[in-house]
Amino acid sequence: MIIDLILNRKDGQKYSAREFYHDVMGYADIWPSLANPITRAMDGGEEDDVQRELCKYVTSQGYNPDICDYIRSVKWLEDEV
């Protein structure tokens, strides 16, 4: 699930934007309405676009909205070093 990708990063897993993108794309066949807005934002948007789509995903799926605080605190288009 996409939430697991977000929470793994929050828990300290090393983050690669490319790997995250491909992992989210892996869900596009099953849940295109959830995955495609995130990958589209990563393709042509800016950080705030990606953060917005990730937060939409979190809230639409009924996850704790506090996760959005974390989502907005990190960059999703850049690898962590």
Protein backbone atom coordinates (compact mmCIF):
# COMPACT_ATOMS: atom_id res chain seq x y z
CA MET A 1 0.00 0.00 0.00
CA ILE A 2 1.09 3.56 -0.65
CA ILE A 3 0.60 4.39 3.03
CA ASP A 4 3.30 1.85 3.86
CA LEU A 5 5.74 3.64 1.57
CA ILE A 6 5.03 6.93 3.35
CA LEU A 7 5.26 5.42 6.83
CA ASN A 8 8.45 3.50 6.02
CA ARG A 9 10.10 6.77 5.12
CA LYS A 10 8.72 8.40 8.25
CA ASP A 11 10.22 5.54 10.27
CA GLY A 12 13.67 6.24 8.84
CA GLN A 13 13.94 4.11 5.72
CA LYS A 14 16.31 5.71 3.22
CA TYR A 15 14.29 7.58 0.61
CA SER A 16 14.82 7.55 -3.14
CA ALA A 17 12.37 9.65 -5.15
CA ARG A 18 12.81 7.37 -8.17
CA GLU A 19 12.16 4.23 -6.13
CA PHE A 20 9.12 5.80 -4.45
CA TYR A 21 7.76 6.82 -7.85
CA HIS A 22 8.19 3.31 -9.24
CA ASP A 23 6.68 1.74 -6.13
CA VAL A 24 3.61 3.99 -6.40
CA MET A 25 3.40 3.18 -10.13
CA GLY A 26 3.22 -0.47 -9.11
CA TYR A 27 -0.20 0.24 -7.61
CA ALA A 28 -1.55 1.99 -10.71
CA ASP A 29 -2.92 -1.18 -12.27
CA ILE A 30 -4.91 -2.02 -9.15
CA TRP A 31 -5.78 1.46 -7.85
CA PRO A 32 -5.26 3.98 -10.66
CA SER A 33 -7.43 6.61 -8.98
CA LEU A 34 -5.08 6.55 -5.97
CA ALA A 35 -1.69 6.13 -7.61
CA ASN A 36 -1.97 8.17 -10.80
CA PRO A 37 -2.55 11.59 -9.21
CA ILE A 38 0.58 11.10 -7.09
CA THR A 39 2.78 10.03 -9.99
CA ARG A 40 1.38 12.81 -12.23
CA ALA A 41 2.30 15.34 -9.54
CA MET A 42 5.79 13.84 -9.37
CA ASP A 43 6.09 13.96 -13.16
CA GLY A 44 5.06 17.54 -13.76
CA GLY A 45 4.46 19.25 -10.47
CA GLU A 46 6.37 20.84 -7.67
CA GLU A 47 6.81 19.76 -4.06
CA ASP A 48 3.55 21.32 -2.94
CA ASP A 49 1.69 19.44 -5.70
CA VAL A 50 3.13 16.11 -4.58
CA GLN A 51 2.45 16.89 -0.94
CA ARG A 52 -1.13 17.86 -1.76
CA GLU A 53 -1.77 14.60 -3.65
CA LEU A 54 -0.20 12.51 -0.90
CA CYS A 55 -2.37 14.25 1.69
CA LYS A 56 -5.46 13.72 -0.47
CA TYR A 57 -4.58 10.04 -0.56
CA VAL A 58 -4.12 9.89 3.23
CA THR A 59 -7.39 11.64 4.03
CA SER A 60 -9.46 9.92 1.34
CA GLN A 61 -8.40 6.52 2.65
CA GLY A 62 -9.25 7.39 6.23
CA TYR A 63 -5.71 7.39 7.59
CA ASN A 64 -4.70 9.66 10.44
CA PRO A 65 -4.60 13.19 8.99
CA ASP A 66 -1.62 13.97 11.25
CA ILE A 67 0.45 12.03 8.70
CA CYS A 68 0.04 15.08 6.46
CA ASP A 69 2.20 17.07 8.87
CA TYR A 70 5.03 14.68 8.10
CA ILE A 71 4.28 14.68 4.37
CA ARG A 72 4.55 18.47 4.29
CA SER A 73 7.80 18.42 6.30
CA VAL A 74 9.89 16.56 3.70
CA LYS A 75 10.70 16.84 0.01
CA TRP A 76 9.32 14.09 -2.23
CA LEU A 77 11.07 15.04 -5.45
CA GLU A 78 14.59 14.80 -4.00
CA ASP A 79 16.52 11.84 -2.63
CA GLU A 80 17.59 11.90 0.98
CA VAL A 81 21.34 11.93 1.43
